[in-house]
Amino acid sequence: MTRQDWLLMHRVAAGDEDAVAELYDRFGALVYKVAQQLLPTRADAEDAVQEVFVRLWKTADRYDPRRAKLVTWVMLIARRHLIDRLRRSAARPVLTTMEGDSAGTQTHTEPERPTQVEERNANLLKRIAQLPELQRTVIERTYLHGYTLREVSEQLEAPLGTIKSALSRGLVRLREQSKSDWAI
């Protein structure tokens, strides 16, 4: 399978539309599932998936099957993109205009309260803080700080399987706690 994966990514790098479609068919649902778990709306998740596959296309020539399986490489690119997207949305300032009438009231301004997305991100961070320590630590280090599961395993001096299980259990808990928040 490794040789086939390398050939697929070589074709993607060359701009072969069929290869891009094959890559999407193989991994689109998986990337979407992760995006949907992390992002507040279906539209955000769909946009993120499209952006991830553009990144995969642009970096396809960097794929090395000796270093990682294709699924691992795809998910690493996806996770990094999603983390970047979450960080950008958390750091986005509230925009206001400098225009105002003579009475000092402003027109066409955004409300000063946090946006719905910012509120959901804050709620998600609160839920993460309520997880058991290992689950919280693994989620924070992988999704918020960008470490790989192997790096987290080494940092915590815990078996990789334990780290993977903690991540999975933590994500399931977060999904169960926030089902109503993700509904559109």
N, C-alpha and C. Protein backbone atom coordinates (compact mmCIF):
# COMPACT_ATOMS: atom_id res chain seq x y z
N MET A 1 0.82 -1.20 0.00
CA MET A 1 0.00 0.00 0.00
C MET A 1 0.87 1.26 0.00
N THR A 2 2.04 1.19 0.58
CA THR A 2 2.90 2.35 0.67
C THR A 2 3.28 2.86 -0.71
N ARG A 3 3.65 1.97 -1.60
CA ARG A 3 4.01 2.38 -2.96
C ARG A 3 2.82 3.02 -3.66
N GLN A 4 1.64 2.42 -3.48
CA GLN A 4 0.43 2.98 -4.08
C GLN A 4 0.14 4.38 -3.53
N ASP A 5 0.35 4.55 -2.23
CA ASP A 5 0.13 5.87 -1.61
C ASP A 5 1.10 6.89 -2.19
N TRP A 6 2.35 6.50 -2.33
CA TRP A 6 3.34 7.42 -2.88
C TRP A 6 2.97 7.79 -4.32
N LEU A 7 2.56 6.79 -5.11
CA LEU A 7 2.16 7.07 -6.49
C LEU A 7 0.94 8.00 -6.54
N LEU A 8 -0.01 7.76 -5.64
CA LEU A 8 -1.18 8.62 -5.58
C LEU A 8 -0.77 10.07 -5.29
N MET A 9 0.09 10.26 -4.30
CA MET A 9 0.50 11.62 -3.94
C MET A 9 1.37 12.24 -5.04
N HIS A 10 2.11 11.42 -5.73
CA HIS A 10 2.90 11.92 -6.87
C HIS A 10 1.95 12.44 -7.96
N ARG A 11 0.87 11.70 -8.19
CA ARG A 11 -0.13 12.14 -9.18
C ARG A 11 -0.85 13.40 -8.71
N VAL A 12 -1.16 13.48 -7.41
CA VAL A 12 -1.79 14.68 -6.87
C VAL A 12 -0.87 15.88 -7.08
N ALA A 13 0.41 15.70 -6.78
CA ALA A 13 1.39 16.79 -6.93
C ALA A 13 1.48 17.24 -8.39
N ALA A 14 1.26 16.33 -9.32
CA ALA A 14 1.31 16.66 -10.74
C ALA A 14 0.01 17.31 -11.24
N GLY A 15 -0.98 17.41 -10.36
CA GLY A 15 -2.23 18.07 -10.74
C GLY A 15 -3.25 17.15 -11.37
N ASP A 16 -3.10 15.85 -11.20
CA ASP A 16 -4.04 14.87 -11.75
C ASP A 16 -5.37 14.97 -10.98
N GLU A 17 -6.43 15.44 -11.64
CA GLU A 17 -7.72 15.62 -10.99
C GLU A 17 -8.30 14.31 -10.46
N ASP A 18 -8.09 13.22 -11.18
CA ASP A 18 -8.59 11.92 -10.72
C ASP A 18 -7.90 11.51 -9.42
N ALA A 19 -6.61 11.83 -9.31
CA ALA A 19 -5.87 11.50 -8.09
C ALA A 19 -6.37 12.32 -6.91
N VAL A 20 -6.66 13.59 -7.16
CA VAL A 20 -7.20 14.44 -6.09
C VAL A 20 -8.57 13.91 -5.65
N ALA A 21 -9.37 13.50 -6.61
CA ALA A 21 -10.69 12.93 -6.29
C ALA A 21 -10.53 11.65 -5.49
N GLU A 22 -9.57 10.81 -5.85
CA GLU A 22 -9.31 9.57 -5.11
C GLU A 22 -8.87 9.87 -3.69
N LEU A 23 -7.98 10.85 -3.54
CA LEU A 23 -7.51 11.25 -2.21
C LEU A 23 -8.70 11.72 -1.36
N TYR A 24 -9.56 12.53 -1.97
CA TYR A 24 -10.73 13.03 -1.24
C TYR A 24 -11.68 11.87 -0.89
N ASP A 25 -11.90 10.96 -1.83
CA ASP A 25 -12.77 9.82 -1.56
C ASP A 25 -12.26 8.99 -0.39
N ARG A 26 -10.96 8.84 -0.31
CA ARG A 26 -10.36 8.03 0.76
C ARG A 26 -10.39 8.72 2.12
N PHE A 27 -10.17 10.03 2.16
CA PHE A 27 -9.96 10.70 3.44
C PHE A 27 -10.92 11.85 3.74
N GLY A 28 -11.77 12.22 2.81
CA GLY A 28 -12.66 13.36 3.02
C GLY A 28 -13.57 13.20 4.23
N ALA A 29 -14.18 12.04 4.38
CA ALA A 29 -15.10 11.81 5.49
C ALA A 29 -14.37 11.86 6.83
N LEU A 30 -13.18 11.31 6.89
CA LEU A 30 -12.39 11.32 8.12
C LEU A 30 -12.00 12.74 8.52
N VAL A 31 -11.52 13.52 7.56
CA VAL A 31 -11.15 14.91 7.83
C VAL A 31 -12.38 15.70 8.26
N TYR A 32 -13.50 15.48 7.59
CA TYR A 32 -14.74 16.18 7.94
C TYR A 32 -15.18 15.83 9.36
N LYS A 33 -15.07 14.57 9.73
CA LYS A 33 -15.48 14.14 11.07
C LYS A 33 -14.67 14.88 12.14
N VAL A 34 -13.38 14.96 11.95
CA VAL A 34 -12.53 15.67 12.92
C VAL A 34 -12.85 17.16 12.92
N ALA A 35 -13.04 17.74 11.75
CA ALA A 35 -13.37 19.16 11.65
C ALA A 35 -14.70 19.45 12.35
N GLN A 36 -15.65 18.57 12.18
CA GLN A 36 -16.96 18.76 12.79
C GLN A 36 -16.88 18.68 14.32
N GLN A 37 -15.97 17.87 14.83
CA GLN A 37 -15.79 17.76 16.28
C GLN A 37 -15.19 19.04 16.87
N LEU A 38 -14.38 19.73 16.10
CA LEU A 38 -13.65 20.88 16.62
C LEU A 38 -14.26 22.23 16.29
N LEU A 39 -14.97 22.31 15.20
CA LEU A 39 -15.47 23.60 14.74
C LEU A 39 -16.95 23.76 15.08
N PRO A 40 -17.40 25.00 15.25
CA PRO A 40 -18.74 25.23 15.79
C PRO A 40 -19.89 24.97 14.83
N THR A 41 -19.67 25.07 13.52
CA THR A 41 -20.79 24.89 12.59
C THR A 41 -20.41 23.94 11.46
N ARG A 42 -21.44 23.42 10.83
CA ARG A 42 -21.23 22.54 9.68
C ARG A 42 -20.52 23.29 8.56
N ALA A 43 -20.90 24.55 8.35
CA ALA A 43 -20.28 25.36 7.29
C ALA A 43 -18.78 25.55 7.56
N ASP A 44 -18.43 25.80 8.82
CA ASP A 44 -17.01 25.94 9.17
C ASP A 44 -16.26 24.64 8.89
N ALA A 45 -16.87 23.51 9.25
CA ALA A 45 -16.23 22.22 9.02
C ALA A 45 -16.05 21.96 7.52
N GLU A 46 -17.07 22.27 6.73
CA GLU A 46 -16.97 22.07 5.28
C GLU A 46 -15.89 22.95 4.67
N ASP A 47 -15.83 24.21 5.10
CA ASP A 47 -14.78 25.12 4.61
C ASP A 47 -13.40 24.59 4.99
N ALA A 48 -13.28 24.12 6.22
CA ALA A 48 -11.99 23.62 6.68
C ALA A 48 -11.54 22.40 5.87
N VAL A 49 -12.47 21.51 5.56
CA VAL A 49 -12.12 20.33 4.76
C VAL A 49 -11.60 20.76 3.39
N GLN A 50 -12.28 21.70 2.78
CA GLN A 50 -11.82 22.18 1.48
C GLN A 50 -10.42 22.77 1.60
N GLU A 51 -10.18 23.56 2.63
CA GLU A 51 -8.87 24.17 2.83
C GLU A 51 -7.79 23.12 3.08
N VAL A 52 -8.14 22.07 3.83
CA VAL A 52 -7.19 20.98 4.11
C VAL A 52 -6.79 20.30 2.81
N PHE A 53 -7.76 20.03 1.94
CA PHE A 53 -7.43 19.34 0.70
C PHE A 53 -6.65 20.23 -0.27
N VAL A 54 -6.84 21.52 -0.20
CA VAL A 54 -5.99 22.44 -0.98
C VAL A 54 -4.56 22.35 -0.45
N ARG A 55 -4.42 22.33 0.88
CA ARG A 55 -3.07 22.19 1.46
C ARG A 55 -2.43 20.87 1.07
N LEU A 56 -3.23 19.80 1.10
CA LEU A 56 -2.69 18.49 0.72
C LEU A 56 -2.21 18.52 -0.73
N TRP A 57 -2.97 19.14 -1.59
CA TRP A 57 -2.59 19.24 -3.00
C TRP A 57 -1.30 20.03 -3.14
N LYS A 58 -1.20 21.16 -2.43
CA LYS A 58 -0.02 22.00 -2.54
C LYS A 58 1.23 21.37 -1.93
N THR A 59 1.06 20.47 -0.97
CA THR A 59 2.21 19.86 -0.30
C THR A 59 2.38 18.38 -0.66
N ALA A 60 1.66 17.91 -1.64
CA ALA A 60 1.68 16.49 -2.00
C ALA A 60 3.09 15.99 -2.31
N ASP A 61 3.93 16.85 -2.89
CA ASP A 61 5.29 16.42 -3.23
C ASP A 61 6.15 16.18 -2.00
N ARG A 62 5.70 16.58 -0.83
CA ARG A 62 6.47 16.39 0.41
C ARG A 62 6.16 15.07 1.10
N TYR A 63 5.15 14.37 0.64
CA TYR A 63 4.78 13.11 1.29
C TYR A 63 5.90 12.08 1.12
N ASP A 64 6.29 11.47 2.22
CA ASP A 64 7.34 10.44 2.23
C ASP A 64 6.79 9.21 2.93
N PRO A 65 6.50 8.15 2.18
CA PRO A 65 5.91 6.95 2.78
C PRO A 65 6.84 6.24 3.77
N ARG A 66 8.12 6.58 3.76
CA ARG A 66 9.05 5.98 4.73
C ARG A 66 8.88 6.60 6.11
N ARG A 67 8.32 7.80 6.16
CA ARG A 67 8.17 8.50 7.44
C ARG A 67 6.81 8.31 8.08
N ALA A 68 5.77 8.10 7.26
CA ALA A 68 4.42 7.96 7.82
C ALA A 68 3.49 7.33 6.79
N LYS A 69 2.47 6.65 7.30
CA LYS A 69 1.41 6.17 6.42
C LYS A 69 0.66 7.38 5.87
N LEU A 70 0.02 7.22 4.76
CA LEU A 70 -0.69 8.34 4.14
C LEU A 70 -1.79 8.88 5.05
N VAL A 71 -2.54 8.00 5.70
CA VAL A 71 -3.60 8.46 6.59
C VAL A 71 -3.02 9.32 7.72
N THR A 72 -1.87 8.93 8.24
CA THR A 72 -1.22 9.69 9.31
C THR A 72 -0.82 11.07 8.81
N TRP A 73 -0.25 11.11 7.61
CA TRP A 73 0.20 12.38 7.04
C TRP A 73 -0.98 13.30 6.75
N VAL A 74 -2.05 12.73 6.19
CA VAL A 74 -3.26 13.52 5.90
C VAL A 74 -3.83 14.10 7.19
N MET A 75 -3.92 13.28 8.23
CA MET A 75 -4.50 13.76 9.48
C MET A 75 -3.59 14.76 10.19
N LEU A 76 -2.29 14.64 10.02
CA LEU A 76 -1.37 15.62 10.58
C LEU A 76 -1.58 16.98 9.92
N ILE A 77 -1.69 16.98 8.60
CA ILE A 77 -1.96 18.23 7.87
C ILE A 77 -3.31 18.80 8.32
N ALA A 78 -4.31 17.94 8.42
CA ALA A 78 -5.65 18.38 8.83
C ALA A 78 -5.63 18.96 10.24
N ARG A 79 -5.01 18.25 11.15
CA ARG A 79 -4.98 18.72 12.54
C ARG A 79 -4.26 20.07 12.64
N ARG A 80 -3.14 20.20 11.96
CA ARG A 80 -2.41 21.48 12.00
C ARG A 80 -3.27 22.61 11.44
N HIS A 81 -3.97 22.33 10.35
CA HIS A 81 -4.83 23.36 9.77
C HIS A 81 -5.96 23.73 10.73
N LEU A 82 -6.58 22.74 11.34
CA LEU A 82 -7.69 23.01 12.26
C LEU A 82 -7.21 23.79 13.48
N ILE A 83 -6.05 23.45 13.99
CA ILE A 83 -5.48 24.19 15.13
C ILE A 83 -5.24 25.64 14.73
N ASP A 84 -4.66 25.84 13.56
CA ASP A 84 -4.43 27.21 13.08
C ASP A 84 -5.75 27.97 12.96
N ARG A 85 -6.75 27.29 12.45
CA ARG A 85 -8.06 27.94 12.28
C ARG A 85 -8.67 28.31 13.62
N LEU A 86 -8.57 27.41 14.60
CA LEU A 86 -9.10 27.71 15.94
C LEU A 86 -8.35 28.87 16.57
N ARG A 87 -7.05 28.89 16.42
CA ARG A 87 -6.25 29.97 17.00
C ARG A 87 -6.61 31.31 16.34
N ARG A 88 -6.78 31.30 15.02
CA ARG A 88 -7.16 32.54 14.33
C ARG A 88 -8.51 33.04 14.81
N SER A 89 -9.46 32.14 14.96
CA SER A 89 -10.80 32.58 15.38
C SER A 89 -10.79 33.07 16.82
N ALA A 90 -9.96 32.50 17.67
CA ALA A 90 -9.88 32.94 19.06
C ALA A 90 -9.19 34.29 19.17
N ALA A 91 -8.30 34.60 18.24
CA ALA A 91 -7.53 35.85 18.30
C ALA A 91 -8.16 36.97 17.50
N ARG A 92 -9.25 36.69 16.79
CA ARG A 92 -9.86 37.69 15.92
C ARG A 92 -10.52 38.79 16.76
N PRO A 93 -10.14 40.03 16.55
CA PRO A 93 -10.75 41.12 17.32
C PRO A 93 -12.15 41.45 16.82
N VAL A 94 -12.94 42.08 17.68
CA VAL A 94 -14.25 42.57 17.28
C VAL A 94 -14.03 43.84 16.48
N LEU A 95 -14.59 43.88 15.28
CA LEU A 95 -14.39 45.03 14.40
C LEU A 95 -15.46 46.07 14.62
N THR A 96 -15.05 47.32 14.67
CA THR A 96 -15.99 48.43 14.75
C THR A 96 -15.54 49.48 13.77
N THR A 97 -16.45 50.37 13.41
CA THR A 97 -16.07 51.46 12.51
C THR A 97 -15.76 52.69 13.34
N MET A 98 -15.08 53.60 12.74
CA MET A 98 -14.73 54.85 13.41
C MET A 98 -15.77 55.93 13.13
N GLU A 99 -16.78 55.58 12.33
CA GLU A 99 -17.80 56.56 11.97
C GLU A 99 -18.78 56.72 13.12
N GLY A 100 -19.26 57.93 13.32
CA GLY A 100 -20.28 58.18 14.34
C GLY A 100 -20.96 59.50 14.02
N ASP A 101 -22.16 59.67 14.58
CA ASP A 101 -22.82 60.94 14.34
C ASP A 101 -22.39 61.96 15.39
N SER A 102 -22.92 63.17 15.30
CA SER A 102 -22.48 64.23 16.19
C SER A 102 -22.85 63.98 17.64
N ALA A 103 -23.82 63.12 17.90
CA ALA A 103 -24.21 62.82 19.28
C ALA A 103 -23.28 61.79 19.90
N GLY A 104 -22.35 61.27 19.11
CA GLY A 104 -21.38 60.32 19.65
C GLY A 104 -21.80 58.87 19.51
N THR A 105 -22.93 58.59 18.88
CA THR A 105 -23.32 57.20 18.68
C THR A 105 -22.66 56.68 17.42
N GLN A 106 -22.29 55.42 17.45
CA GLN A 106 -21.63 54.84 16.29
C GLN A 106 -22.64 54.09 15.45
N THR A 107 -22.40 54.09 14.14
CA THR A 107 -23.27 53.35 13.22
C THR A 107 -22.48 52.20 12.63
N HIS A 108 -23.18 51.14 12.24
CA HIS A 108 -22.58 49.98 11.58
C HIS A 108 -21.46 49.36 12.41
N THR A 109 -21.67 49.19 13.69
CA THR A 109 -20.64 48.57 14.52
C THR A 109 -21.09 47.18 14.93
N GLU A 110 -20.13 46.34 15.21
CA GLU A 110 -20.41 45.02 15.74
C GLU A 110 -20.74 45.17 17.22
N PRO A 111 -21.59 44.34 17.77
CA PRO A 111 -21.85 44.40 19.21
C PRO A 111 -20.57 44.06 19.98
N GLU A 112 -20.47 44.58 21.18
CA GLU A 112 -19.26 44.37 21.96
C GLU A 112 -19.22 43.00 22.61
N ARG A 113 -20.35 42.33 22.72
CA ARG A 113 -20.33 40.99 23.33
C ARG A 113 -19.64 40.01 22.38
N PRO A 114 -19.11 38.91 22.90
CA PRO A 114 -18.42 37.94 22.02
C PRO A 114 -19.39 37.36 21.00
N THR A 115 -18.86 37.01 19.85
CA THR A 115 -19.70 36.40 18.82
C THR A 115 -20.09 34.99 19.24
N GLN A 116 -21.01 34.44 18.51
CA GLN A 116 -21.47 33.08 18.82
C GLN A 116 -20.31 32.09 18.73
N VAL A 117 -19.45 32.26 17.76
CA VAL A 117 -18.31 31.36 17.62
C VAL A 117 -17.37 31.49 18.81
N GLU A 118 -17.10 32.72 19.23
CA GLU A 118 -16.22 32.93 20.37
C GLU A 118 -16.82 32.33 21.64
N GLU A 119 -18.13 32.45 21.78
CA GLU A 119 -18.80 31.86 22.93
C GLU A 119 -18.67 30.34 22.91
N ARG A 120 -18.85 29.75 21.75
CA ARG A 120 -18.73 28.29 21.64
C ARG A 120 -17.30 27.85 21.93
N ASN A 121 -16.32 28.60 21.43
CA ASN A 121 -14.92 28.26 21.72
C ASN A 121 -14.65 28.35 23.21
N ALA A 122 -15.18 29.39 23.86
CA ALA A 122 -15.00 29.54 25.31
C ALA A 122 -15.66 28.38 26.04
N ASN A 123 -16.86 27.99 25.59
CA ASN A 123 -17.55 26.85 26.22
C ASN A 123 -16.76 25.56 26.02
N LEU A 124 -16.19 25.39 24.83
CA LEU A 124 -15.39 24.21 24.57
C LEU A 124 -14.17 24.17 25.50
N LEU A 125 -13.51 25.30 25.66
CA LEU A 125 -12.35 25.35 26.55
C LEU A 125 -12.75 25.05 27.99
N LYS A 126 -13.94 25.50 28.41
CA LYS A 126 -14.43 25.18 29.76
C LYS A 126 -14.66 23.69 29.90
N ARG A 127 -15.26 23.09 28.86
CA ARG A 127 -15.52 21.64 28.90
C ARG A 127 -14.21 20.85 28.94
N ILE A 128 -13.22 21.30 28.17
CA ILE A 128 -11.92 20.63 28.19
C ILE A 128 -11.33 20.70 29.59
N ALA A 129 -11.46 21.85 30.25
CA ALA A 129 -10.92 22.03 31.60
C ALA A 129 -11.59 21.09 32.61
N GLN A 130 -12.82 20.65 32.32
CA GLN A 130 -13.55 19.78 33.24
C GLN A 130 -13.26 18.29 33.03
N LEU A 131 -12.52 17.95 31.99
CA LEU A 131 -12.19 16.55 31.72
C LEU A 131 -11.23 16.02 32.77
N PRO A 132 -11.17 14.70 32.92
CA PRO A 132 -10.14 14.13 33.78
C PRO A 132 -8.75 14.58 33.31
N GLU A 133 -7.83 14.65 34.23
CA GLU A 133 -6.53 15.27 33.95
C GLU A 133 -5.83 14.72 32.71
N LEU A 134 -5.74 13.41 32.56
CA LEU A 134 -5.02 12.84 31.41
C LEU A 134 -5.72 13.21 30.10
N GLN A 135 -7.04 13.08 30.06
CA GLN A 135 -7.78 13.42 28.84
C GLN A 135 -7.59 14.89 28.49
N ARG A 136 -7.71 15.76 29.49
CA ARG A 136 -7.54 17.20 29.28
C ARG A 136 -6.13 17.50 28.76
N THR A 137 -5.14 16.92 29.39
CA THR A 137 -3.75 17.19 29.00
C THR A 137 -3.48 16.73 27.57
N VAL A 138 -3.96 15.56 27.22
CA VAL A 138 -3.73 15.03 25.87
C VAL A 138 -4.42 15.90 24.83
N ILE A 139 -5.67 16.29 25.06
CA ILE A 139 -6.39 17.13 24.11
C ILE A 139 -5.73 18.49 23.97
N GLU A 140 -5.36 19.09 25.09
CA GLU A 140 -4.70 20.41 25.03
C GLU A 140 -3.39 20.34 24.26
N ARG A 141 -2.59 19.32 24.55
CA ARG A 141 -1.27 19.24 23.91
C ARG A 141 -1.37 18.90 22.43
N THR A 142 -2.34 18.06 22.05
CA THR A 142 -2.43 17.69 20.63
C THR A 142 -3.17 18.75 19.81
N TYR A 143 -4.34 19.19 20.27
CA TYR A 143 -5.15 20.09 19.46
C TYR A 143 -4.80 21.56 19.65
N LEU A 144 -4.39 21.95 20.84
CA LEU A 144 -4.13 23.36 21.08
C LEU A 144 -2.65 23.73 20.95
N HIS A 145 -1.78 22.76 21.22
CA HIS A 145 -0.35 23.05 21.15
C HIS A 145 0.34 22.39 19.96
N GLY A 146 -0.35 21.50 19.26
CA GLY A 146 0.17 20.93 18.02
C GLY A 146 1.14 19.78 18.16
N TYR A 147 1.23 19.16 19.34
CA TYR A 147 2.13 18.02 19.50
C TYR A 147 1.50 16.77 18.90
N THR A 148 2.34 15.85 18.45
CA THR A 148 1.85 14.56 17.97
C THR A 148 1.55 13.69 19.19
N LEU A 149 0.78 12.63 18.98
CA LEU A 149 0.48 11.72 20.08
C LEU A 149 1.76 11.07 20.62
N ARG A 150 2.67 10.78 19.74
CA ARG A 150 3.95 10.19 20.17
C ARG A 150 4.72 11.17 21.07
N GLU A 151 4.73 12.44 20.70
CA GLU A 151 5.41 13.45 21.52
C GLU A 151 4.74 13.58 22.89
N VAL A 152 3.43 13.55 22.92
CA VAL A 152 2.70 13.62 24.19
C VAL A 152 3.03 12.40 25.03
N SER A 153 3.09 11.25 24.39
CA SER A 153 3.44 10.01 25.08
C SER A 153 4.81 10.14 25.74
N GLU A 154 5.76 10.67 25.01
CA GLU A 154 7.11 10.85 25.57
C GLU A 154 7.11 11.90 26.68
N GLN A 155 6.40 13.00 26.49
CA GLN A 155 6.35 14.07 27.49
C GLN A 155 5.76 13.57 28.80
N LEU A 156 4.72 12.76 28.71
CA LEU A 156 4.03 12.29 29.90
C LEU A 156 4.58 10.95 30.40
N GLU A 157 5.54 10.41 29.65
CA GLU A 157 6.13 9.10 29.98
C GLU A 157 5.04 8.05 30.19
N ALA A 158 4.13 8.02 29.22
CA ALA A 158 3.01 7.07 29.24
C ALA A 158 3.00 6.31 27.92
N PRO A 159 2.50 5.07 27.93
CA PRO A 159 2.43 4.30 26.67
C PRO A 159 1.57 5.02 25.64
N LEU A 160 1.97 4.89 24.37
CA LEU A 160 1.24 5.53 23.28
C LEU A 160 -0.22 5.09 23.25
N GLY A 161 -0.48 3.82 23.51
CA GLY A 161 -1.86 3.33 23.53
C GLY A 161 -2.71 4.02 24.58
N THR A 162 -2.12 4.30 25.73
CA THR A 162 -2.83 5.01 26.80
C THR A 162 -3.18 6.43 26.35
N ILE A 163 -2.24 7.07 25.67
CA ILE A 163 -2.47 8.43 25.17
C ILE A 163 -3.57 8.43 24.12
N LYS A 164 -3.52 7.47 23.20
CA LYS A 164 -4.56 7.39 22.16
C LYS A 164 -5.94 7.16 22.78
N SER A 165 -6.00 6.27 23.78
CA SER A 165 -7.27 5.99 24.45
C SER A 165 -7.79 7.23 25.18
N ALA A 166 -6.90 7.95 25.84
CA ALA A 166 -7.31 9.16 26.56
C ALA A 166 -7.85 10.20 25.59
N LEU A 167 -7.20 10.34 24.44
CA LEU A 167 -7.67 11.29 23.43
C LEU A 167 -9.06 10.88 22.93
N SER A 168 -9.22 9.62 22.62
CA SER A 168 -10.50 9.13 22.11
C SER A 168 -11.61 9.32 23.14
N ARG A 169 -11.35 8.92 24.40
CA ARG A 169 -12.37 9.06 25.45
C ARG A 169 -12.70 10.53 25.69
N GLY A 170 -11.70 11.38 25.67
CA GLY A 170 -11.92 12.81 25.88
C GLY A 170 -12.76 13.42 24.78
N LEU A 171 -12.47 13.07 23.52
CA LEU A 171 -13.25 13.60 22.40
C LEU A 171 -14.69 13.11 22.44
N VAL A 172 -14.88 11.85 22.82
CA VAL A 172 -16.25 11.32 22.93
C VAL A 172 -17.00 12.09 24.01
N ARG A 173 -16.36 12.32 25.15
CA ARG A 173 -17.00 13.09 26.23
C ARG A 173 -17.37 14.49 25.78
N LEU A 174 -16.44 15.15 25.10
CA LEU A 174 -16.71 16.52 24.63
C LEU A 174 -17.88 16.53 23.64
N ARG A 175 -17.89 15.55 22.74
CA ARG A 175 -18.96 15.48 21.75
C ARG A 175 -20.31 15.26 22.43
N GLU A 176 -20.34 14.37 23.43
CA GLU A 176 -21.59 14.10 24.13
C GLU A 176 -22.07 15.33 24.89
N GLN A 177 -21.14 16.06 25.51
CA GLN A 177 -21.50 17.23 26.30
C GLN A 177 -21.98 18.38 25.43
N SER A 178 -21.52 18.44 24.21
CA SER A 178 -21.80 19.63 23.41
C SER A 178 -22.65 19.39 22.18
N LYS A 179 -23.37 18.30 22.12
CA LYS A 179 -24.18 18.01 20.93
C LYS A 179 -25.12 19.16 20.59
N SER A 180 -25.74 19.75 21.57
CA SER A 180 -26.68 20.83 21.29
C SER A 180 -25.97 22.07 20.75
N ASP A 181 -24.70 22.32 21.16
CA ASP A 181 -23.97 23.47 20.68
C ASP A 181 -23.59 23.35 19.21
N TRP A 182 -23.40 22.13 18.74
CA TRP A 182 -22.93 21.95 17.36
C TRP A 182 -24.09 21.91 16.37
N ALA A 183 -25.30 21.78 16.86
CA ALA A 183 -26.45 21.69 15.95
C ALA A 183 -26.67 23.03 15.25
N ILE A 184 -27.09 22.94 14.04
CA ILE A 184 -27.32 24.16 13.26
C ILE A 184 -28.80 24.44 13.19
